[in-house]
């Protein structure tokens, strides 16, 4: 609910993504590698409201 304003119930896992294309090196040398889990969900309550400035409107 934090990022979207929605409370959801996950139905199923659609995919897991990671690996070389999800690696990033910051200018100061720190390195990260992301693992992305994508779920199909049903909306339980709430209203779609991006609240963190990172989500498109």
PDB file of N, CA and C in Angstrom:
ATOM      1  N   UNK A   1       0.820  -1.180   0.000  1.00  0.00           N
ATOM      2  CA  UNK A   1       0.000   0.000   0.000  1.00  0.00           C
ATOM      3  C   UNK A   1       0.872   1.255   0.000  1.00  0.00           C
ATOM      4  N   UNK A   2       2.071   1.145   0.462  1.00  0.00           N
ATOM      5  CA  UNK A   2       2.950   2.304   0.623  1.00  0.00           C
ATOM      6  C   UNK A   2       3.214   3.037  -0.694  1.00  0.00           C
ATOM      7  N   UNK A   3       3.582   2.340  -1.754  1.00  0.00           N
ATOM      8  CA  UNK A   3       3.998   2.998  -2.986  1.00  0.00           C
ATOM      9  C   UNK A   3       2.849   3.363  -3.913  1.00  0.00           C
ATOM     10  N   UNK A   4       1.727   2.662  -3.847  1.00  0.00           N
ATOM     11  CA  UNK A   4       0.652   2.858  -4.821  1.00  0.00           C
ATOM     12  C   UNK A   4      -0.644   3.367  -4.218  1.00  0.00           C
ATOM     13  N   UNK A   5      -0.821   3.246  -2.922  1.00  0.00           N
ATOM     14  CA  UNK A   5      -2.090   3.577  -2.286  1.00  0.00           C
ATOM     15  C   UNK A   5      -3.081   2.430  -2.341  1.00  0.00           C
ATOM     16  N   UNK A   6      -2.674   1.283  -2.868  1.00  0.00           N
ATOM     17  CA  UNK A   6      -3.567   0.131  -2.999  1.00  0.00           C
ATOM     18  C   UNK A   6      -3.193  -0.975  -2.020  1.00  0.00           C
ATOM     19  N   UNK A   7      -4.208  -1.656  -1.532  1.00  0.00           N
ATOM     20  CA  UNK A   7      -4.011  -2.902  -0.787  1.00  0.00           C
ATOM     21  C   UNK A   7      -4.406  -4.005  -1.758  1.00  0.00           C
ATOM     22  N   UNK A   8      -3.487  -4.956  -1.985  1.00  0.00           N
ATOM     23  CA  UNK A   8      -3.733  -6.001  -2.983  1.00  0.00           C
ATOM     24  C   UNK A   8      -3.575  -7.387  -2.389  1.00  0.00           C
ATOM     25  N   UNK A   9      -4.136  -8.369  -3.095  1.00  0.00           N
ATOM     26  CA  UNK A   9      -3.967  -9.770  -2.737  1.00  0.00           C
ATOM     27  C   UNK A   9      -3.295 -10.452  -3.937  1.00  0.00           C
ATOM     28  N   UNK A  10      -2.078 -10.977  -3.753  1.00  0.00           N
ATOM     29  CA  UNK A  10      -1.397 -11.642  -4.868  1.00  0.00           C
ATOM     30  C   UNK A  10      -2.115 -12.926  -5.272  1.00  0.00           C
ATOM     31  N   UNK A  11      -2.263 -13.131  -6.588  1.00  0.00           N
ATOM     32  CA  UNK A  11      -2.873 -14.350  -7.127  1.00  0.00           C
ATOM     33  C   UNK A  11      -1.829 -15.375  -7.536  1.00  0.00           C
ATOM     34  N   UNK A  12      -0.840 -14.891  -8.309  1.00  0.00           N
ATOM     35  CA  UNK A  12       0.196 -15.827  -8.763  1.00  0.00           C
ATOM     36  C   UNK A  12       1.458 -15.062  -9.147  1.00  0.00           C
ATOM     37  N   UNK A  13       2.552 -15.775  -9.095  1.00  0.00           N
ATOM     38  CA  UNK A  13       3.847 -15.245  -9.499  1.00  0.00           C
ATOM     39  C   UNK A  13       3.942 -15.335 -11.015  1.00  0.00           C
ATOM     40  N   UNK A  14       4.201 -14.206 -11.677  1.00  0.00           N
ATOM     41  CA  UNK A  14       4.304 -14.187 -13.130  1.00  0.00           C
ATOM     42  C   UNK A  14       5.734 -14.344 -13.621  1.00  0.00           C
ATOM     43  N   UNK A  15       6.699 -13.896 -12.827  1.00  0.00           N
ATOM     44  CA  UNK A  15       8.083 -14.018 -13.265  1.00  0.00           C
ATOM     45  C   UNK A  15       9.064 -13.498 -12.235  1.00  0.00           C
ATOM     46  N   UNK A  16      10.299 -13.980 -12.365  1.00  0.00           N
ATOM     47  CA  UNK A  16      11.407 -13.517 -11.533  1.00  0.00           C
ATOM     48  C   UNK A  16      12.520 -13.119 -12.486  1.00  0.00           C
ATOM     49  N   UNK A  17      13.033 -11.908 -12.311  1.00  0.00           N
ATOM     50  CA  UNK A  17      14.032 -11.377 -13.222  1.00  0.00           C
ATOM     51  C   UNK A  17      15.256 -10.935 -12.444  1.00  0.00           C
ATOM     52  N   UNK A  18      16.423 -11.130 -13.026  1.00  0.00           N
ATOM     53  CA  UNK A  18      17.671 -10.741 -12.389  1.00  0.00           C
ATOM     54  C   UNK A  18      18.819 -11.042 -13.323  1.00  0.00           C
ATOM     55  N   UNK A  19      20.004 -11.071 -12.768  1.00  0.00           N
ATOM     56  CA  UNK A  19      21.175 -11.401 -13.562  1.00  0.00           C
ATOM     57  C   UNK A  19      21.896 -10.182 -14.084  1.00  0.00           C
ATOM     58  N   UNK A  20      22.680 -10.390 -15.115  1.00  0.00           N
ATOM     59  CA  UNK A  20      23.590  -9.366 -15.625  1.00  0.00           C
ATOM     60  C   UNK A  20      22.883  -8.068 -16.013  1.00  0.00           C
ATOM     61  N   UNK A  21      21.718  -8.142 -16.620  1.00  0.00           N
ATOM     62  CA  UNK A  21      21.033  -6.916 -17.047  1.00  0.00           C
ATOM     63  C   UNK A  21      20.409  -6.158 -15.879  1.00  0.00           C
ATOM     64  N   UNK A  22      20.455  -6.730 -14.683  1.00  0.00           N
ATOM     65  CA  UNK A  22      19.922  -6.067 -13.496  1.00  0.00           C
ATOM     66  C   UNK A  22      21.033  -5.668 -12.528  1.00  0.00           C
ATOM     67  N   UNK A  23      22.257  -5.554 -13.040  1.00  0.00           N
ATOM     68  CA  UNK A  23      23.407  -5.113 -12.242  1.00  0.00           C
ATOM     69  C   UNK A  23      23.701  -3.654 -12.559  1.00  0.00           C
ATOM     70  N   UNK A  24      24.162  -2.934 -11.542  1.00  0.00           N
ATOM     71  CA  UNK A  24      24.458  -1.514 -11.727  1.00  0.00           C
ATOM     72  C   UNK A  24      25.637  -1.133 -10.838  1.00  0.00           C
ATOM     73  N   UNK A  25      26.535  -0.335 -11.387  1.00  0.00           N
ATOM     74  CA  UNK A  25      27.652   0.205 -10.614  1.00  0.00           C
ATOM     75  C   UNK A  25      27.479   1.709 -10.518  1.00  0.00           C
ATOM     76  N   UNK A  26      27.420   2.209  -9.301  1.00  0.00           N
ATOM     77  CA  UNK A  26      27.291   3.643  -9.059  1.00  0.00           C
ATOM     78  C   UNK A  26      28.623   4.335  -9.337  1.00  0.00           C
ATOM     79  N   UNK A  27      28.592   5.637  -9.624  1.00  0.00           N
ATOM     80  CA  UNK A  27      29.828   6.370  -9.927  1.00  0.00           C
ATOM     81  C   UNK A  27      30.904   6.242  -8.856  1.00  0.00           C
ATOM     82  N   UNK A  28      30.508   6.069  -7.582  1.00  0.00           N
ATOM     83  CA  UNK A  28      31.504   5.959  -6.501  1.00  0.00           C
ATOM     84  C   UNK A  28      32.001   4.527  -6.309  1.00  0.00           C
ATOM     85  N   UNK A  29      31.531   3.591  -7.154  1.00  0.00           N
ATOM     86  CA  UNK A  29      32.056   2.231  -7.126  1.00  0.00           C
ATOM     87  C   UNK A  29      31.172   1.185  -6.484  1.00  0.00           C
ATOM     88  N   UNK A  30      30.184   1.589  -5.706  1.00  0.00           N
ATOM     89  CA  UNK A  30      29.269   0.604  -5.113  1.00  0.00           C
ATOM     90  C   UNK A  30      28.535  -0.136  -6.216  1.00  0.00           C
ATOM     91  N   UNK A  31      28.345  -1.435  -6.002  1.00  0.00           N
ATOM     92  CA  UNK A  31      27.653  -2.267  -6.982  1.00  0.00           C
ATOM     93  C   UNK A  31      26.422  -2.894  -6.352  1.00  0.00           C
ATOM     94  N   UNK A  32      25.353  -2.995  -7.150  1.00  0.00           N
ATOM     95  CA  UNK A  32      24.123  -3.633  -6.699  1.00  0.00           C
ATOM     96  C   UNK A  32      23.642  -4.578  -7.799  1.00  0.00           C
ATOM     97  N   UNK A  33      22.850  -5.554  -7.393  1.00  0.00           N
ATOM     98  CA  UNK A  33      22.178  -6.429  -8.350  1.00  0.00           C
ATOM     99  C   UNK A  33      20.760  -6.651  -7.833  1.00  0.00           C
ATOM    100  N   UNK A  34      19.801  -6.341  -8.673  1.00  0.00           N
ATOM    101  CA  UNK A  34      18.400  -6.417  -8.290  1.00  0.00           C
ATOM    102  C   UNK A  34      17.795  -7.749  -8.682  1.00  0.00           C
ATOM    103  N   UNK A  35      16.893  -8.244  -7.876  1.00  0.00           N
ATOM    104  CA  UNK A  35      16.021  -9.371  -8.204  1.00  0.00           C
ATOM    105  C   UNK A  35      14.601  -8.810  -8.196  1.00  0.00           C
ATOM    106  N   UNK A  36      13.879  -8.987  -9.301  1.00  0.00           N
ATOM    107  CA  UNK A  36      12.546  -8.415  -9.448  1.00  0.00           C
ATOM    108  C   UNK A  36      11.536  -9.559  -9.508  1.00  0.00           C
ATOM    109  N   UNK A  37      10.556  -9.507  -8.612  1.00  0.00           N
ATOM    110  CA  UNK A  37       9.484 -10.500  -8.563  1.00  0.00           C
ATOM    111  C   UNK A  37       8.207  -9.814  -9.029  1.00  0.00           C
ATOM    112  N   UNK A  38       7.544 -10.373 -10.049  1.00  0.00           N
ATOM    113  CA  UNK A  38       6.336  -9.770 -10.617  1.00  0.00           C
ATOM    114  C   UNK A  38       5.144 -10.674 -10.311  1.00  0.00           C
ATOM    115  N   UNK A  39       4.116 -10.092  -9.675  1.00  0.00           N
ATOM    116  CA  UNK A  39       2.926 -10.838  -9.287  1.00  0.00           C
ATOM    117  C   UNK A  39       1.689 -10.290  -9.988  1.00  0.00           C
ATOM    118  N   UNK A  40       0.755 -11.169 -10.285  1.00  0.00           N
ATOM    119  CA  UNK A  40      -0.594 -10.764 -10.674  1.00  0.00           C
ATOM    120  C   UNK A  40      -1.377 -10.616  -9.378  1.00  0.00           C
ATOM    121  N   UNK A  41      -2.086  -9.485  -9.221  1.00  0.00           N
ATOM    122  CA  UNK A  41      -2.783  -9.206  -7.970  1.00  0.00           C
ATOM    123  C   UNK A  41      -4.203  -8.728  -8.227  1.00  0.00           C
ATOM    124  N   UNK A  42      -5.057  -8.904  -7.230  1.00  0.00           N
ATOM    125  CA  UNK A  42      -6.383  -8.294  -7.198  1.00  0.00           C
ATOM    126  C   UNK A  42      -6.352  -7.147  -6.207  1.00  0.00           C
ATOM    127  N   UNK A  43      -6.999  -6.047  -6.564  1.00  0.00           N
ATOM    128  CA  UNK A  43      -7.101  -4.908  -5.653  1.00  0.00           C
ATOM    129  C   UNK A  43      -8.137  -5.237  -4.586  1.00  0.00           C
ATOM    130  N   UNK A  44      -7.744  -5.094  -3.317  1.00  0.00           N
ATOM    131  CA  UNK A  44      -8.634  -5.343  -2.189  1.00  0.00           C
ATOM    132  C   UNK A  44      -9.281  -4.033  -1.735  1.00  0.00           C
ATOM    133  N   UNK A  45      -8.475  -2.959  -1.659  1.00  0.00           N
ATOM    134  CA  UNK A  45      -9.002  -1.659  -1.247  1.00  0.00           C
ATOM    135  C   UNK A  45      -8.007  -0.577  -1.635  1.00  0.00           C
ATOM    136  N   UNK A  46      -8.432   0.660  -1.451  1.00  0.00           N
ATOM    137  CA  UNK A  46      -7.560   1.798  -1.704  1.00  0.00           C
ATOM    138  C   UNK A  46      -7.840   2.453  -3.038  1.00  0.00           C
ATOM    139  N   UNK A  47      -7.065   3.496  -3.295  1.00  0.00           N
ATOM    140  CA  UNK A  47      -7.170   4.252  -4.531  1.00  0.00           C
ATOM    141  C   UNK A  47      -5.769   4.467  -5.070  1.00  0.00           C
ATOM    142  N   UNK A  48      -5.578   4.248  -6.370  1.00  0.00           N
ATOM    143  CA  UNK A  48      -4.260   4.380  -6.974  1.00  0.00           C
ATOM    144  C   UNK A  48      -3.767   5.816  -6.832  1.00  0.00           C
ATOM    145  N   UNK A  49      -2.726   5.981  -6.004  1.00  0.00           N
ATOM    146  CA  UNK A  49      -2.177   7.292  -5.712  1.00  0.00           C
ATOM    147  C   UNK A  49      -0.666   7.158  -5.541  1.00  0.00           C
ATOM    148  N   UNK A  50       0.129   7.474  -6.578  1.00  0.00           N
ATOM    149  CA  UNK A  50       1.583   7.426  -6.403  1.00  0.00           C
ATOM    150  C   UNK A  50       1.995   8.424  -5.328  1.00  0.00           C
ATOM    151  N   UNK A  51       2.742   7.973  -4.327  1.00  0.00           N
ATOM    152  CA  UNK A  51       3.046   8.848  -3.195  1.00  0.00           C
ATOM    153  C   UNK A  51       4.532   9.114  -2.991  1.00  0.00           C
ATOM    154  N   UNK A  52       5.391   8.504  -3.818  1.00  0.00           N
ATOM    155  CA  UNK A  52       6.811   8.644  -3.538  1.00  0.00           C
ATOM    156  C   UNK A  52       7.592   9.427  -4.588  1.00  0.00           C
ATOM    157  N   UNK A  53       6.930   9.923  -5.635  1.00  0.00           N
ATOM    158  CA  UNK A  53       7.631  10.666  -6.671  1.00  0.00           C
ATOM    159  C   UNK A  53       8.373   9.790  -7.656  1.00  0.00           C
ATOM    160  N   UNK A  54       8.410   8.467  -7.436  1.00  0.00           N
ATOM    161  CA  UNK A  54       9.097   7.558  -8.349  1.00  0.00           C
ATOM    162  C   UNK A  54       8.136   6.920  -9.347  1.00  0.00           C
ATOM    163  N   UNK A  55       6.872   6.891  -9.013  1.00  0.00           N
ATOM    164  CA  UNK A  55       5.881   6.250  -9.876  1.00  0.00           C
ATOM    165  C   UNK A  55       5.272   7.270 -10.821  1.00  0.00           C
ATOM    166  N   UNK A  56       5.106   6.890 -12.113  1.00  0.00           N
ATOM    167  CA  UNK A  56       4.478   7.824 -13.047  1.00  0.00           C
ATOM    168  C   UNK A  56       3.004   8.037 -12.708  1.00  0.00           C
ATOM    169  N   UNK A  57       2.491   9.186 -13.064  1.00  0.00           N
ATOM    170  CA  UNK A  57       1.084   9.481 -12.815  1.00  0.00           C
ATOM    171  C   UNK A  57       0.270   9.368 -14.080  1.00  0.00           C
TER     172      UNK A  57
END
